[in-house]
Amino acid sequence: MGLGGCIILIAVGAILTFATDWDMQGVNLDLVGIIFMIVGLIGVTTFSSIYRRRRVVVPPPTTGVVDDPAAHHHRRDGYSDGYGV
């Protein structure tokens, strides 16, 4: 659920709680509205915390050294295996 869905839940919950005068058998619309508003607020806080974590700027990785075998000079003096270089 995105930020828009959370705001819609808050608005519908506020309308059910404060702007309606309906009586339904077995359903307390004020309580349903309060539950919608609480779920919407939890969604907004969760969305904003995830969005804040996602926007962390990471510098691009530096390119590593590429080992080009054609650039190596092979010596035949016994030190070509890397020891004593």
C-alpha atoms as a PDB file:
ATOM      1  CA  MET A   1       0.000   0.000   0.000  1.00  0.00           C
ATOM      2  CA  GLY A   2       1.449   3.342  -0.980  1.00  0.00           C
ATOM      3  CA  LEU A   3       1.185   6.749   0.544  1.00  0.00           C
ATOM      4  CA  GLY A   4      -2.009   7.514  -1.382  1.00  0.00           C
ATOM      5  CA  GLY A   5      -3.753   4.436  -0.016  1.00  0.00           C
ATOM      6  CA  CYS A   6      -2.787   5.385   3.532  1.00  0.00           C
ATOM      7  CA  ILE A   7      -4.158   8.899   3.090  1.00  0.00           C
ATOM      8  CA  ILE A   8      -7.385   7.488   1.665  1.00  0.00           C
ATOM      9  CA  LEU A   9      -7.717   5.199   4.715  1.00  0.00           C
ATOM     10  CA  ILE A  10      -7.273   8.172   7.033  1.00  0.00           C
ATOM     11  CA  ALA A  11      -9.860  10.208   5.103  1.00  0.00           C
ATOM     12  CA  VAL A  12     -12.425   7.383   4.996  1.00  0.00           C
ATOM     13  CA  GLY A  13     -11.880   6.731   8.696  1.00  0.00           C
ATOM     14  CA  ALA A  14     -12.396  10.392   9.532  1.00  0.00           C
ATOM     15  CA  ILE A  15     -15.556  10.511   7.439  1.00  0.00           C
ATOM     16  CA  LEU A  16     -16.950   7.397   9.116  1.00  0.00           C
ATOM     17  CA  THR A  17     -16.085   8.679  12.579  1.00  0.00           C
ATOM     18  CA  PHE A  18     -16.974  12.359  12.423  1.00  0.00           C
ATOM     19  CA  ALA A  19     -19.266  12.977   9.444  1.00  0.00           C
ATOM     20  CA  THR A  20     -21.734  10.109   9.421  1.00  0.00           C
ATOM     21  CA  ASP A  21     -24.834   9.549  11.465  1.00  0.00           C
ATOM     22  CA  TRP A  22     -25.657   6.047  10.330  1.00  0.00           C
ATOM     23  CA  ASP A  23     -26.707   3.231  12.619  1.00  0.00           C
ATOM     24  CA  MET A  24     -25.947  -0.288  11.476  1.00  0.00           C
ATOM     25  CA  GLN A  25     -27.016  -3.366  13.379  1.00  0.00           C
ATOM     26  CA  GLY A  26     -23.930  -5.039  14.879  1.00  0.00           C
ATOM     27  CA  VAL A  27     -21.388  -2.566  13.441  1.00  0.00           C
ATOM     28  CA  ASN A  28     -20.000   0.426  15.288  1.00  0.00           C
ATOM     29  CA  LEU A  29     -19.031   2.800  12.469  1.00  0.00           C
ATOM     30  CA  ASP A  30     -17.182   5.128  14.853  1.00  0.00           C
ATOM     31  CA  LEU A  31     -14.892   2.265  15.874  1.00  0.00           C
ATOM     32  CA  VAL A  32     -14.405   1.185  12.245  1.00  0.00           C
ATOM     33  CA  GLY A  33     -13.458   4.762  11.358  1.00  0.00           C
ATOM     34  CA  ILE A  34     -10.960   4.975  14.205  1.00  0.00           C
ATOM     35  CA  ILE A  35      -9.423   1.655  13.139  1.00  0.00           C
ATOM     36  CA  PHE A  36      -9.090   2.937   9.545  1.00  0.00           C
ATOM     37  CA  MET A  37      -7.389   6.103  10.771  1.00  0.00           C
ATOM     38  CA  ILE A  38      -4.952   4.161  12.976  1.00  0.00           C
ATOM     39  CA  VAL A  39      -4.077   1.757  10.154  1.00  0.00           C
ATOM     40  CA  GLY A  40      -3.587   4.733   7.816  1.00  0.00           C
ATOM     41  CA  LEU A  41      -1.265   6.457  10.290  1.00  0.00           C
ATOM     42  CA  ILE A  42       0.760   3.273  10.766  1.00  0.00           C
ATOM     43  CA  GLY A  43       1.024   2.972   6.993  1.00  0.00           C
ATOM     44  CA  VAL A  44       2.187   6.584   6.598  1.00  0.00           C
ATOM     45  CA  THR A  45       4.884   6.186   9.252  1.00  0.00           C
ATOM     46  CA  THR A  46       6.040   2.871   7.782  1.00  0.00           C
ATOM     47  CA  PHE A  47       6.107   4.270   4.260  1.00  0.00           C
ATOM     48  CA  SER A  48       8.028   7.373   5.303  1.00  0.00           C
ATOM     49  CA  SER A  49      10.629   5.375   7.246  1.00  0.00           C
ATOM     50  CA  ILE A  50      11.175   2.975   4.331  1.00  0.00           C
ATOM     51  CA  TYR A  51      11.327   5.868   1.866  1.00  0.00           C
ATOM     52  CA  ARG A  52      13.884   7.671   4.042  1.00  0.00           C
ATOM     53  CA  ARG A  53      16.089   4.557   4.176  1.00  0.00           C
ATOM     54  CA  ARG A  54      15.777   4.028   0.439  1.00  0.00           C
ATOM     55  CA  ARG A  55      17.014   7.544  -0.351  1.00  0.00           C
ATOM     56  CA  VAL A  56      20.466   7.049   1.155  1.00  0.00           C
ATOM     57  CA  VAL A  57      23.029   8.309  -1.325  1.00  0.00           C
ATOM     58  CA  VAL A  58      25.773   5.790  -1.977  1.00  0.00           C
ATOM     59  CA  PRO A  59      28.844   6.903  -3.905  1.00  0.00           C
ATOM     60  CA  PRO A  60      29.537   4.850  -7.011  1.00  0.00           C
ATOM     61  CA  PRO A  61      32.154   2.155  -6.570  1.00  0.00           C
ATOM     62  CA  THR A  62      35.585   2.860  -7.918  1.00  0.00           C
ATOM     63  CA  THR A  63      36.777   0.694 -10.733  1.00  0.00           C
ATOM     64  CA  GLY A  64      39.303  -1.919  -9.803  1.00  0.00           C
ATOM     65  CA  VAL A  65      42.623  -2.614 -11.458  1.00  0.00           C
ATOM     66  CA  VAL A  66      42.204  -4.824 -14.483  1.00  0.00           C
ATOM     67  CA  ASP A  67      44.876  -7.458 -14.837  1.00  0.00           C
ATOM     68  CA  ASP A  68      45.946  -7.370 -18.472  1.00  0.00           C
ATOM     69  CA  PRO A  69      48.055 -10.445 -19.261  1.00  0.00           C
ATOM     70  CA  ALA A  70      49.479  -8.785 -22.402  1.00  0.00           C
ATOM     71  CA  ALA A  71      51.036  -6.051 -20.279  1.00  0.00           C
ATOM     72  CA  HIS A  72      53.165  -8.448 -18.208  1.00  0.00           C
ATOM     73  CA  HIS A  73      56.830  -8.784 -19.004  1.00  0.00           C
ATOM     74  CA  HIS A  74      57.981 -12.290 -18.353  1.00  0.00           C
ATOM     75  CA  ARG A  75      61.512 -12.619 -17.138  1.00  0.00           C
ATOM     76  CA  ARG A  76      63.439 -15.836 -17.320  1.00  0.00           C
ATOM     77  CA  ASP A  77      65.713 -15.157 -14.345  1.00  0.00           C
ATOM     78  CA  GLY A  78      63.841 -17.207 -11.766  1.00  0.00           C
ATOM     79  CA  TYR A  79      61.819 -14.341 -10.356  1.00  0.00           C
ATOM     80  CA  SER A  80      58.913 -14.424 -12.823  1.00  0.00           C
ATOM     81  CA  ASP A  81      56.623 -16.194 -10.355  1.00  0.00           C
ATOM     82  CA  GLY A  82      56.223 -13.055  -8.240  1.00  0.00           C
ATOM     83  CA  TYR A  83      58.822 -13.756  -5.567  1.00  0.00           C
ATOM     84  CA  GLY A  84      61.531 -11.137  -5.224  1.00  0.00           C
ATOM     85  CA  VAL A  85      59.885  -8.628  -7.519  1.00  0.00           C
END
